[in-house]
Amino acid sequence: MLSRKDVRPKQTQLLLDIGFVPVSIDYRLCPETTLLEGPMTDVRDAFDWARKMLPQLPLKRSDVHINGDRVVAVGWSTGGTLALSLGWTTPSAGLRPPEAILVFYCPTDYEDKCWTQENKPFGEATMDAAAYELYEGVADTPITAYNPPPASRAAGGWMDKENPRSRIVLHMNWYGQTLPILVNGLKDKSATRKEPLRLPQPSNAQIQAVSPLAQIRKGMYRTPTFIVHPIDDDLIPWQQAQRTVDELRRQGIEAELRIVKNAIHLFDLYPRYDANDEATGAVADGYAFLSRAVS
């Protein structure tokens, strides 16, 4: 769900203040395509464009100069996982990886058992399976943006049981179906049914191909990395971030972690966290990390 317009304006300003030109990108969304074939491929291609093509474009401002040799990646939630994926997808394509990566509350370990277990974000109970048809929210062709209707009362900005697209994400959490839907997609719209759709889990090899921690363990990732994760995240356990940073450091890769207390998933979207010194400090530290990486 969501799109390139859902960036954090205050953090965009932070990037400008320290000399970065922010580029927010769209990518094909799951489940019309798979995580590997769609989003991960599109993000890698966009990064290649930023390295090679963006510096050659004529700009309206003569005082702005783009340096394709100093490019970093930032991502939030699943976008953070996509940012991390640049650490191994770029070298495999013959490209230089980012100078540094900053991510917020994102999945880093898809081998974690949590992805196969029931999860009820925001304390939501599951729906009667007869009340919804999962494929109703799947488009006929891949899309690059989706936001719930403005009138929708979507918890967290995306969770609305009355919205077919939101129900896909809820279903993934309720029935431990995150990995099958992300890794293999939902392409067969003829496969309608009234009972909860229970797809088989992907193979270990398929899971490791999209899991940052697995790729780090294999030695495929060498990029300086900064992770911010709220301790009260009810979608992604903060322990994944801890394991990932521990492994990066074990391999001698520069890595920093900020576990933010009294904060939830997507915390930096909510104005009330402006008063949380630990949260604002973690965000500021992350961008300072990026600045040091290219200075």
C-alpha atoms as a PDB file:
ATOM      1  CA  MET A   1       0.000   0.000   0.000  1.00  0.00           C
ATOM      2  CA  LEU A   2       0.836   3.746   0.000  1.00  0.00           C
ATOM      3  CA  SER A   3       3.112   5.530  -2.491  1.00  0.00           C
ATOM      4  CA  ARG A   4       6.099   7.819  -2.989  1.00  0.00           C
ATOM      5  CA  LYS A   5       3.967  10.721  -1.702  1.00  0.00           C
ATOM      6  CA  ASP A   6       3.927   9.202   1.783  1.00  0.00           C
ATOM      7  CA  VAL A   7       7.378  10.481   2.681  1.00  0.00           C
ATOM      8  CA  ARG A   8       8.070  12.309   5.954  1.00  0.00           C
ATOM      9  CA  PRO A   9       8.214  16.069   5.208  1.00  0.00           C
ATOM     10  CA  LYS A  10      10.287  16.858   8.297  1.00  0.00           C
ATOM     11  CA  GLN A  11      12.814  14.196   7.363  1.00  0.00           C
ATOM     12  CA  THR A  12      12.888  15.431   3.786  1.00  0.00           C
ATOM     13  CA  GLN A  13      13.894  18.784   5.217  1.00  0.00           C
ATOM     14  CA  LEU A  14      16.566  17.096   7.334  1.00  0.00           C
ATOM     15  CA  LEU A  15      18.053  15.642   4.157  1.00  0.00           C
ATOM     16  CA  LEU A  16      18.040  19.017   2.443  1.00  0.00           C
ATOM     17  CA  ASP A  17      19.640  20.651   5.477  1.00  0.00           C
ATOM     18  CA  ILE A  18      22.610  18.273   5.353  1.00  0.00           C
ATOM     19  CA  GLY A  19      23.097  18.552   1.608  1.00  0.00           C
ATOM     20  CA  PHE A  20      21.127  15.626   0.150  1.00  0.00           C
ATOM     21  CA  VAL A  21      18.654  15.864  -2.732  1.00  0.00           C
ATOM     22  CA  PRO A  22      15.766  13.553  -1.733  1.00  0.00           C
ATOM     23  CA  VAL A  23      14.315  11.323  -4.453  1.00  0.00           C
ATOM     24  CA  SER A  24      11.133   9.473  -3.483  1.00  0.00           C
ATOM     25  CA  ILE A  25      10.233   6.587  -5.762  1.00  0.00           C
ATOM     26  CA  ASP A  26       7.250   4.405  -6.594  1.00  0.00           C
ATOM     27  CA  TYR A  27       7.567   0.685  -7.225  1.00  0.00           C
ATOM     28  CA  ARG A  28       5.232  -2.128  -8.153  1.00  0.00           C
ATOM     29  CA  LEU A  29       3.278  -3.304  -5.132  1.00  0.00           C
ATOM     30  CA  CYS A  30       2.588  -6.834  -3.992  1.00  0.00           C
ATOM     31  CA  PRO A  31       0.564  -9.018  -4.316  1.00  0.00           C
ATOM     32  CA  GLU A  32       0.033  -8.383  -8.053  1.00  0.00           C
ATOM     33  CA  THR A  33       3.737  -9.151  -8.364  1.00  0.00           C
ATOM     34  CA  THR A  34       6.257 -10.777  -6.054  1.00  0.00           C
ATOM     35  CA  LEU A  35       8.627  -9.002  -3.686  1.00  0.00           C
ATOM     36  CA  LEU A  36      11.677 -10.158  -5.627  1.00  0.00           C
ATOM     37  CA  GLU A  37      10.375  -9.569  -9.162  1.00  0.00           C
ATOM     38  CA  GLY A  38       8.581  -6.284  -8.438  1.00  0.00           C
ATOM     39  CA  PRO A  39       9.596  -3.951  -5.580  1.00  0.00           C
ATOM     40  CA  MET A  40      13.160  -5.194  -5.104  1.00  0.00           C
ATOM     41  CA  THR A  41      13.881  -4.981  -8.828  1.00  0.00           C
ATOM     42  CA  ASP A  42      12.272  -1.552  -9.189  1.00  0.00           C
ATOM     43  CA  VAL A  43      14.157  -0.085  -6.221  1.00  0.00           C
ATOM     44  CA  ARG A  44      17.455  -1.371  -7.599  1.00  0.00           C
ATOM     45  CA  ASP A  45      16.690   0.152 -11.018  1.00  0.00           C
ATOM     46  CA  ALA A  46      15.746   3.476  -9.407  1.00  0.00           C
ATOM     47  CA  PHE A  47      18.989   3.482  -7.448  1.00  0.00           C
ATOM     48  CA  ASP A  48      20.943   2.855 -10.654  1.00  0.00           C
ATOM     49  CA  TRP A  49      19.095   5.803 -12.239  1.00  0.00           C
ATOM     50  CA  ALA A  50      20.001   8.040  -9.301  1.00  0.00           C
ATOM     51  CA  ARG A  51      23.664   7.075  -9.613  1.00  0.00           C
ATOM     52  CA  LYS A  52      23.977   7.458 -13.393  1.00  0.00           C
ATOM     53  CA  MET A  53      21.124   9.456 -14.921  1.00  0.00           C
ATOM     54  CA  LEU A  54      20.032  11.988 -12.316  1.00  0.00           C
ATOM     55  CA  PRO A  55      23.402  13.795 -12.219  1.00  0.00           C
ATOM     56  CA  GLN A  56      23.121  14.388 -15.997  1.00  0.00           C
ATOM     57  CA  LEU A  57      19.686  16.018 -15.915  1.00  0.00           C
ATOM     58  CA  PRO A  58      19.490  19.810 -16.329  1.00  0.00           C
ATOM     59  CA  LEU A  59      18.290  21.495 -13.145  1.00  0.00           C
ATOM     60  CA  LYS A  60      16.402  24.764 -12.739  1.00  0.00           C
ATOM     61  CA  ARG A  61      18.705  25.795  -9.895  1.00  0.00           C
ATOM     62  CA  SER A  62      22.327  26.417 -10.812  1.00  0.00           C
ATOM     63  CA  ASP A  63      23.489  26.088  -7.194  1.00  0.00           C
ATOM     64  CA  VAL A  64      22.413  22.440  -6.918  1.00  0.00           C
ATOM     65  CA  HIS A  65      24.896  19.827  -8.096  1.00  0.00           C
ATOM     66  CA  ILE A  66      24.076  16.106  -7.974  1.00  0.00           C
ATOM     67  CA  ASN A  67      26.929  13.746  -7.122  1.00  0.00           C
ATOM     68  CA  GLY A  68      26.121  10.214  -8.262  1.00  0.00           C
ATOM     69  CA  ASP A  69      29.074   8.876  -6.292  1.00  0.00           C
ATOM     70  CA  ARG A  70      27.455   9.775  -2.970  1.00  0.00           C
ATOM     71  CA  VAL A  71      24.043   8.134  -2.794  1.00  0.00           C
ATOM     72  CA  VAL A  72      22.331   6.749   0.300  1.00  0.00           C
ATOM     73  CA  ALA A  73      19.036   4.920   0.803  1.00  0.00           C
ATOM     74  CA  VAL A  74      16.291   5.563   3.360  1.00  0.00           C
ATOM     75  CA  GLY A  75      13.168   3.482   3.923  1.00  0.00           C
ATOM     76  CA  TRP A  76      10.262   3.055   6.309  1.00  0.00           C
ATOM     77  CA  SER A  77       8.522  -0.222   7.186  1.00  0.00           C
ATOM     78  CA  THR A  78       8.574  -2.518   4.138  1.00  0.00           C
ATOM     79  CA  GLY A  79      10.295   0.328   2.305  1.00  0.00           C
ATOM     80  CA  GLY A  80      13.104  -0.132   4.798  1.00  0.00           C
ATOM     81  CA  THR A  81      13.444  -3.756   3.765  1.00  0.00           C
ATOM     82  CA  LEU A  82      13.649  -2.601   0.145  1.00  0.00           C
ATOM     83  CA  ALA A  83      16.326  -0.056   1.055  1.00  0.00           C
ATOM     84  CA  LEU A  84      18.326  -2.803   2.770  1.00  0.00           C
ATOM     85  CA  SER A  85      17.927  -5.052  -0.270  1.00  0.00           C
ATOM     86  CA  LEU A  86      20.131  -2.629  -2.217  1.00  0.00           C
ATOM     87  CA  GLY A  87      23.021  -3.893  -0.105  1.00  0.00           C
ATOM     88  CA  TRP A  88      23.014  -7.206  -2.014  1.00  0.00           C
ATOM     89  CA  THR A  89      20.945  -6.681  -5.176  1.00  0.00           C
ATOM     90  CA  THR A  90      23.203  -3.917  -6.506  1.00  0.00           C
ATOM     91  CA  PRO A  91      26.487  -5.885  -6.360  1.00  0.00           C
ATOM     92  CA  SER A  92      24.805  -8.876  -7.976  1.00  0.00           C
ATOM     93  CA  ALA A  93      23.861  -6.554 -10.870  1.00  0.00           C
ATOM     94  CA  GLY A  94      27.362  -5.115 -11.153  1.00  0.00           C
ATOM     95  CA  LEU A  95      26.459  -1.875  -9.365  1.00  0.00           C
ATOM     96  CA  ARG A  96      28.085  -0.187  -6.379  1.00  0.00           C
ATOM     97  CA  PRO A  97      25.799  -0.318  -3.336  1.00  0.00           C
ATOM     98  CA  PRO A  98      24.701   2.782  -1.429  1.00  0.00           C
ATOM     99  CA  GLU A  99      27.254   4.613   0.691  1.00  0.00           C
ATOM    100  CA  ALA A 100      24.941   4.024   3.677  1.00  0.00           C
ATOM    101  CA  ILE A 101      21.407   2.862   4.463  1.00  0.00           C
ATOM    102  CA  LEU A 102      18.974   4.220   7.083  1.00  0.00           C
ATOM    103  CA  VAL A 103      15.813   2.272   7.860  1.00  0.00           C
ATOM    104  CA  PHE A 104      12.892   2.597  10.249  1.00  0.00           C
ATOM    105  CA  TYR A 105      10.836  -0.220  11.838  1.00  0.00           C
ATOM    106  CA  CYS A 106      11.260  -2.635   8.937  1.00  0.00           C
ATOM    107  CA  PRO A 107      11.336  -6.429   8.571  1.00  0.00           C
ATOM    108  CA  THR A 108      14.940  -7.581   8.583  1.00  0.00           C
ATOM    109  CA  ASP A 109      14.534 -11.300   9.276  1.00  0.00           C
ATOM    110  CA  TYR A 110      11.994 -13.173   7.174  1.00  0.00           C
ATOM    111  CA  GLU A 111      13.179 -16.449   8.689  1.00  0.00           C
ATOM    112  CA  ASP A 112      11.683 -15.343  12.008  1.00  0.00           C
ATOM    113  CA  LYS A 113       8.861 -17.666  13.109  1.00  0.00           C
ATOM    114  CA  CYS A 114       6.661 -14.634  13.752  1.00  0.00           C
ATOM    115  CA  TRP A 115       5.759 -14.480  10.052  1.00  0.00           C
ATOM    116  CA  THR A 116       3.996 -17.853  10.212  1.00  0.00           C
ATOM    117  CA  GLN A 117       2.061 -17.075  13.390  1.00  0.00           C
ATOM    118  CA  GLU A 118      -1.136 -15.164  14.089  1.00  0.00           C
ATOM    119  CA  ASN A 119      -0.703 -11.451  14.716  1.00  0.00           C
ATOM    120  CA  LYS A 120      -3.434  -8.946  15.499  1.00  0.00           C
ATOM    121  CA  PRO A 121      -2.148  -5.418  14.849  1.00  0.00           C
ATOM    122  CA  PHE A 122      -3.811  -2.703  16.917  1.00  0.00           C
ATOM    123  CA  GLY A 123      -5.507  -5.510  18.855  1.00  0.00           C
ATOM    124  CA  GLU A 124      -7.862  -6.221  15.980  1.00  0.00           C
ATOM    125  CA  ALA A 125      -9.732  -9.512  16.024  1.00  0.00           C
ATOM    126  CA  THR A 126     -10.057 -11.543  12.852  1.00  0.00           C
ATOM    127  CA  MET A 127     -13.117 -11.283  10.642  1.00  0.00           C
ATOM    128  CA  ASP A 128     -15.568 -13.994   9.722  1.00  0.00           C
ATOM    129  CA  ALA A 129     -14.073 -15.515   6.574  1.00  0.00           C
ATOM    130  CA  ALA A 130     -17.479 -15.393   4.897  1.00  0.00           C
ATOM    131  CA  ALA A 131     -17.448 -11.601   5.278  1.00  0.00           C
ATOM    132  CA  TYR A 132     -14.714 -10.956   2.743  1.00  0.00           C
ATOM    133  CA  GLU A 133     -13.208 -12.230  -0.488  1.00  0.00           C
ATOM    134  CA  LEU A 134      -9.443 -11.787  -0.396  1.00  0.00           C
ATOM    135  CA  TYR A 135      -9.014 -11.382  -4.164  1.00  0.00           C
ATOM    136  CA  GLU A 136     -11.404  -8.437  -4.203  1.00  0.00           C
ATOM    137  CA  GLY A 137      -8.470  -6.169  -3.313  1.00  0.00           C
ATOM    138  CA  VAL A 138      -6.119  -7.511  -6.002  1.00  0.00           C
ATOM    139  CA  ALA A 139      -5.768  -5.459  -9.185  1.00  0.00           C
ATOM    140  CA  ASP A 140      -5.687  -7.081 -12.625  1.00  0.00           C
ATOM    141  CA  THR A 141      -2.194  -5.706 -13.313  1.00  0.00           C
ATOM    142  CA  PRO A 142       0.577  -4.429 -11.014  1.00  0.00           C
ATOM    143  CA  ILE A 143      -0.005  -1.018  -9.447  1.00  0.00           C
ATOM    144  CA  THR A 144       2.494   1.439  -7.982  1.00  0.00           C
ATOM    145  CA  ALA A 145       0.344   3.314  -5.466  1.00  0.00           C
ATOM    146  CA  TYR A 146      -2.642   2.742  -3.224  1.00  0.00           C
ATOM    147  CA  ASN A 147      -4.049   4.765  -0.342  1.00  0.00           C
ATOM    148  CA  PRO A 148      -7.300   4.013   1.494  1.00  0.00           C
ATOM    149  CA  PRO A 149     -10.108   6.444   0.607  1.00  0.00           C
ATOM    150  CA  PRO A 150      -9.955   9.699   2.614  1.00  0.00           C
ATOM    151  CA  ALA A 151     -13.258   8.891   4.310  1.00  0.00           C
ATOM    152  CA  SER A 152     -11.891   5.584   5.539  1.00  0.00           C
ATOM    153  CA  ARG A 153     -11.205   5.287   9.257  1.00  0.00           C
ATOM    154  CA  ALA A 154      -8.009   3.361   8.767  1.00  0.00           C
ATOM    155  CA  ALA A 155      -6.006   2.617  11.911  1.00  0.00           C
ATOM    156  CA  GLY A 156      -2.362   3.426  11.373  1.00  0.00           C
ATOM    157  CA  GLY A 157      -3.219   4.915   7.988  1.00  0.00           C
ATOM    158  CA  TRP A 158      -3.869   1.585   6.269  1.00  0.00           C
ATOM    159  CA  MET A 159      -5.898  -0.838   8.408  1.00  0.00           C
ATOM    160  CA  ASP A 160      -9.581  -0.663   7.513  1.00  0.00           C
ATOM    161  CA  LYS A 161     -11.579  -3.881   7.561  1.00  0.00           C
ATOM    162  CA  GLU A 162     -14.082  -2.328   5.149  1.00  0.00           C
ATOM    163  CA  ASN A 163     -11.382  -1.700   2.555  1.00  0.00           C
ATOM    164  CA  PRO A 164     -10.521  -4.686   0.293  1.00  0.00           C
ATOM    165  CA  ARG A 165      -6.875  -3.670  -0.092  1.00  0.00           C
ATOM    166  CA  SER A 166      -6.414  -3.267   3.661  1.00  0.00           C
ATOM    167  CA  ARG A 167      -7.936  -6.696   4.228  1.00  0.00           C
ATOM    168  CA  ILE A 168      -5.067  -8.296   2.293  1.00  0.00           C
ATOM    169  CA  VAL A 169      -2.554  -6.893   4.791  1.00  0.00           C
ATOM    170  CA  LEU A 170      -4.761  -7.834   7.734  1.00  0.00           C
ATOM    171  CA  HIS A 171      -5.193 -11.351   6.353  1.00  0.00           C
ATOM    172  CA  MET A 172      -1.416 -11.705   6.056  1.00  0.00           C
ATOM    173  CA  ASN A 173      -1.105 -10.917   9.759  1.00  0.00           C
ATOM    174  CA  TRP A 174      -4.152 -12.802  11.011  1.00  0.00           C
ATOM    175  CA  TYR A 175      -3.291 -16.112   9.369  1.00  0.00           C
ATOM    176  CA  GLY A 176       0.516 -16.102   9.154  1.00  0.00           C
ATOM    177  CA  GLN A 177       0.336 -15.551   5.391  1.00  0.00           C
ATOM    178  CA  THR A 178       2.849 -12.728   5.007  1.00  0.00           C
ATOM    179  CA  LEU A 179       5.552 -14.807   3.338  1.00  0.00           C
ATOM    180  CA  PRO A 180       3.378 -16.714   0.839  1.00  0.00           C
ATOM    181  CA  ILE A 181       1.742 -13.499  -0.367  1.00  0.00           C
ATOM    182  CA  LEU A 182       4.939 -11.425  -0.557  1.00  0.00           C
ATOM    183  CA  VAL A 183       7.133 -14.145  -2.037  1.00  0.00           C
ATOM    184  CA  ASN A 184       4.645 -15.735  -4.448  1.00  0.00           C
ATOM    185  CA  GLY A 185       1.973 -13.050  -4.900  1.00  0.00           C
ATOM    186  CA  LEU A 186      -1.778 -13.440  -5.432  1.00  0.00           C
ATOM    187  CA  LYS A 187      -2.110 -13.808  -9.171  1.00  0.00           C
ATOM    188  CA  ASP A 188      -4.813 -16.452  -9.631  1.00  0.00           C
ATOM    189  CA  LYS A 189      -7.968 -14.416  -9.091  1.00  0.00           C
ATOM    190  CA  SER A 190     -10.064 -17.357 -10.240  1.00  0.00           C
ATOM    191  CA  ALA A 191      -9.162 -19.173  -7.043  1.00  0.00           C
ATOM    192  CA  THR A 192     -12.017 -17.675  -5.037  1.00  0.00           C
ATOM    193  CA  ARG A 193     -13.091 -19.290  -1.809  1.00  0.00           C
ATOM    194  CA  LYS A 194     -14.977 -18.436   1.348  1.00  0.00           C
ATOM    195  CA  GLU A 195     -12.715 -20.031   3.930  1.00  0.00           C
ATOM    196  CA  PRO A 196      -9.516 -18.182   4.934  1.00  0.00           C
ATOM    197  CA  LEU A 197      -6.930 -18.610   2.186  1.00  0.00           C
ATOM    198  CA  ARG A 198      -4.016 -20.666   3.526  1.00  0.00           C
ATOM    199  CA  LEU A 199      -1.209 -20.742   0.981  1.00  0.00           C
ATOM    200  CA  PRO A 200       1.854 -22.958   1.515  1.00  0.00           C
ATOM    201  CA  GLN A 201       4.910 -21.302   3.004  1.00  0.00           C
ATOM    202  CA  PRO A 202       7.780 -20.579   0.567  1.00  0.00           C
ATOM    203  CA  SER A 203      10.964 -22.646   0.593  1.00  0.00           C
ATOM    204  CA  ASN A 204      13.916 -21.638   2.755  1.00  0.00           C
ATOM    205  CA  ALA A 205      15.810 -20.564  -0.357  1.00  0.00           C
ATOM    206  CA  GLN A 206      12.955 -18.292  -1.456  1.00  0.00           C
ATOM    207  CA  ILE A 207      12.729 -16.721   1.989  1.00  0.00           C
ATOM    208  CA  GLN A 208      16.463 -16.138   2.278  1.00  0.00           C
ATOM    209  CA  ALA A 209      16.521 -14.460  -1.141  1.00  0.00           C
ATOM    210  CA  VAL A 210      14.407 -11.572   0.240  1.00  0.00           C
ATOM    211  CA  SER A 211      15.627 -11.547   3.859  1.00  0.00           C
ATOM    212  CA  PRO A 212      18.270  -8.940   4.778  1.00  0.00           C
ATOM    213  CA  LEU A 213      19.618 -10.879   7.762  1.00  0.00           C
ATOM    214  CA  ALA A 214      20.019 -14.056   5.707  1.00  0.00           C
ATOM    215  CA  GLN A 215      21.975 -12.157   3.065  1.00  0.00           C
ATOM    216  CA  ILE A 216      24.158 -10.517   5.701  1.00  0.00           C
ATOM    217  CA  ARG A 217      24.959 -13.934   7.193  1.00  0.00           C
ATOM    218  CA  LYS A 218      25.949 -15.159   3.730  1.00  0.00           C
ATOM    219  CA  GLY A 219      28.418 -12.287   3.389  1.00  0.00           C
ATOM    220  CA  MET A 220      26.472 -10.652   0.554  1.00  0.00           C
ATOM    221  CA  TYR A 221      25.993  -7.320   2.357  1.00  0.00           C
ATOM    222  CA  ARG A 222      28.725  -4.832   3.350  1.00  0.00           C
ATOM    223  CA  THR A 223      26.941  -1.451   3.571  1.00  0.00           C
ATOM    224  CA  PRO A 224      27.095   0.813   6.671  1.00  0.00           C
ATOM    225  CA  THR A 225      23.623   0.613   8.201  1.00  0.00           C
ATOM    226  CA  PHE A 226      21.556   2.483  10.783  1.00  0.00           C
ATOM    227  CA  ILE A 227      18.296   0.994  12.118  1.00  0.00           C
ATOM    228  CA  VAL A 228      15.603   2.726  14.178  1.00  0.00           C
ATOM    229  CA  HIS A 229      12.944   0.491  15.714  1.00  0.00           C
ATOM    230  CA  PRO A 230      10.188   1.260  18.262  1.00  0.00           C
ATOM    231  CA  ILE A 231       9.917  -1.182  21.126  1.00  0.00           C
ATOM    232  CA  ASP A 232       6.097  -1.192  21.013  1.00  0.00           C
ATOM    233  CA  ASP A 233       5.909  -2.129  17.310  1.00  0.00           C
ATOM    234  CA  ASP A 234       3.039  -4.623  16.979  1.00  0.00           C
ATOM    235  CA  LEU A 235       3.857  -5.597  13.388  1.00  0.00           C
ATOM    236  CA  ILE A 236       7.593  -6.333  13.490  1.00  0.00           C
ATOM    237  CA  PRO A 237       9.440  -7.527  16.617  1.00  0.00           C
ATOM    238  CA  TRP A 238      12.252  -5.150  17.594  1.00  0.00           C
ATOM    239  CA  GLN A 239      14.452  -8.194  18.263  1.00  0.00           C
ATOM    240  CA  GLN A 240      14.864  -8.584  14.483  1.00  0.00           C
ATOM    241  CA  ALA A 241      16.635  -5.227  14.347  1.00  0.00           C
ATOM    242  CA  GLN A 242      18.864  -6.220  17.263  1.00  0.00           C
ATOM    243  CA  ARG A 243      19.858  -9.518  15.628  1.00  0.00           C
ATOM    244  CA  THR A 244      20.600  -7.763  12.360  1.00  0.00           C
ATOM    245  CA  VAL A 245      22.850  -5.110  13.885  1.00  0.00           C
ATOM    246  CA  ASP A 246      24.610  -7.744  16.000  1.00  0.00           C
ATOM    247  CA  GLU A 247      25.402  -9.744  12.853  1.00  0.00           C
ATOM    248  CA  LEU A 248      26.572  -6.660  10.946  1.00  0.00           C
ATOM    249  CA  ARG A 249      28.961  -5.786  13.751  1.00  0.00           C
ATOM    250  CA  ARG A 250      30.153  -9.384  14.013  1.00  0.00           C
ATOM    251  CA  GLN A 251      31.189  -9.156  10.374  1.00  0.00           C
ATOM    252  CA  GLY A 252      32.950  -5.841  10.915  1.00  0.00           C
ATOM    253  CA  ILE A 253      30.341  -3.729   9.106  1.00  0.00           C
ATOM    254  CA  GLU A 254      29.582  -0.322  10.587  1.00  0.00           C
ATOM    255  CA  ALA A 255      26.115  -0.468  12.122  1.00  0.00           C
ATOM    256  CA  GLU A 256      24.090   1.447  14.676  1.00  0.00           C
ATOM    257  CA  LEU A 257      20.751   0.728  16.321  1.00  0.00           C
ATOM    258  CA  ARG A 258      18.254   2.870  18.198  1.00  0.00           C
ATOM    259  CA  ILE A 259      15.478   1.038  20.028  1.00  0.00           C
ATOM    260  CA  VAL A 260      12.919   3.726  20.838  1.00  0.00           C
ATOM    261  CA  LYS A 261      10.821   3.348  23.991  1.00  0.00           C
ATOM    262  CA  ASN A 262       7.161   4.342  24.167  1.00  0.00           C
ATOM    263  CA  ALA A 263       6.827   4.385  20.388  1.00  0.00           C
ATOM    264  CA  ILE A 264       4.805   2.329  17.904  1.00  0.00           C
ATOM    265  CA  HIS A 265       5.078   1.305  14.252  1.00  0.00           C
ATOM    266  CA  LEU A 266       5.064   4.383  11.979  1.00  0.00           C
ATOM    267  CA  PHE A 267       5.720   6.551  15.043  1.00  0.00           C
ATOM    268  CA  ASP A 268       7.347   9.321  13.009  1.00  0.00           C
ATOM    269  CA  LEU A 269       4.082   9.959  11.157  1.00  0.00           C
ATOM    270  CA  TYR A 270       2.344  11.110  14.342  1.00  0.00           C
ATOM    271  CA  PRO A 271       2.873  14.691  15.609  1.00  0.00           C
ATOM    272  CA  ARG A 272       2.619  13.579  19.230  1.00  0.00           C
ATOM    273  CA  TYR A 273       6.062  11.986  18.954  1.00  0.00           C
ATOM    274  CA  ASP A 274       7.643  15.391  18.414  1.00  0.00           C
ATOM    275  CA  ALA A 275       7.680  15.611  22.219  1.00  0.00           C
ATOM    276  CA  ASN A 276       9.433  12.251  22.573  1.00  0.00           C
ATOM    277  CA  ASP A 277      13.078  13.240  22.907  1.00  0.00           C
ATOM    278  CA  GLU A 278      14.277   9.670  22.437  1.00  0.00           C
ATOM    279  CA  ALA A 279      12.305   9.334  19.189  1.00  0.00           C
ATOM    280  CA  THR A 280      13.401  12.665  17.721  1.00  0.00           C
ATOM    281  CA  GLY A 281      16.972  11.998  18.817  1.00  0.00           C
ATOM    282  CA  ALA A 282      16.992   8.608  17.095  1.00  0.00           C
ATOM    283  CA  VAL A 283      15.779  10.160  13.842  1.00  0.00           C
ATOM    284  CA  ALA A 284      18.389  12.914  14.024  1.00  0.00           C
ATOM    285  CA  ASP A 285      21.142  10.380  14.774  1.00  0.00           C
ATOM    286  CA  GLY A 286      20.146   8.363  11.717  1.00  0.00           C
ATOM    287  CA  TYR A 287      20.504  11.295   9.355  1.00  0.00           C
ATOM    288  CA  ALA A 288      23.778  12.337  10.967  1.00  0.00           C
ATOM    289  CA  PHE A 289      24.988   8.795  10.221  1.00  0.00           C
ATOM    290  CA  LEU A 290      24.180   9.299   6.533  1.00  0.00           C
ATOM    291  CA  SER A 291      25.985  12.619   6.489  1.00  0.00           C
ATOM    292  CA  ARG A 292      29.141  11.104   7.980  1.00  0.00           C
ATOM    293  CA  ALA A 293      29.031   8.271   5.456  1.00  0.00           C
ATOM    294  CA  VAL A 294      29.418  10.633   2.501  1.00  0.00           C
ATOM    295  CA  SER A 295      31.546  13.378   4.055  1.00  0.00           C
END
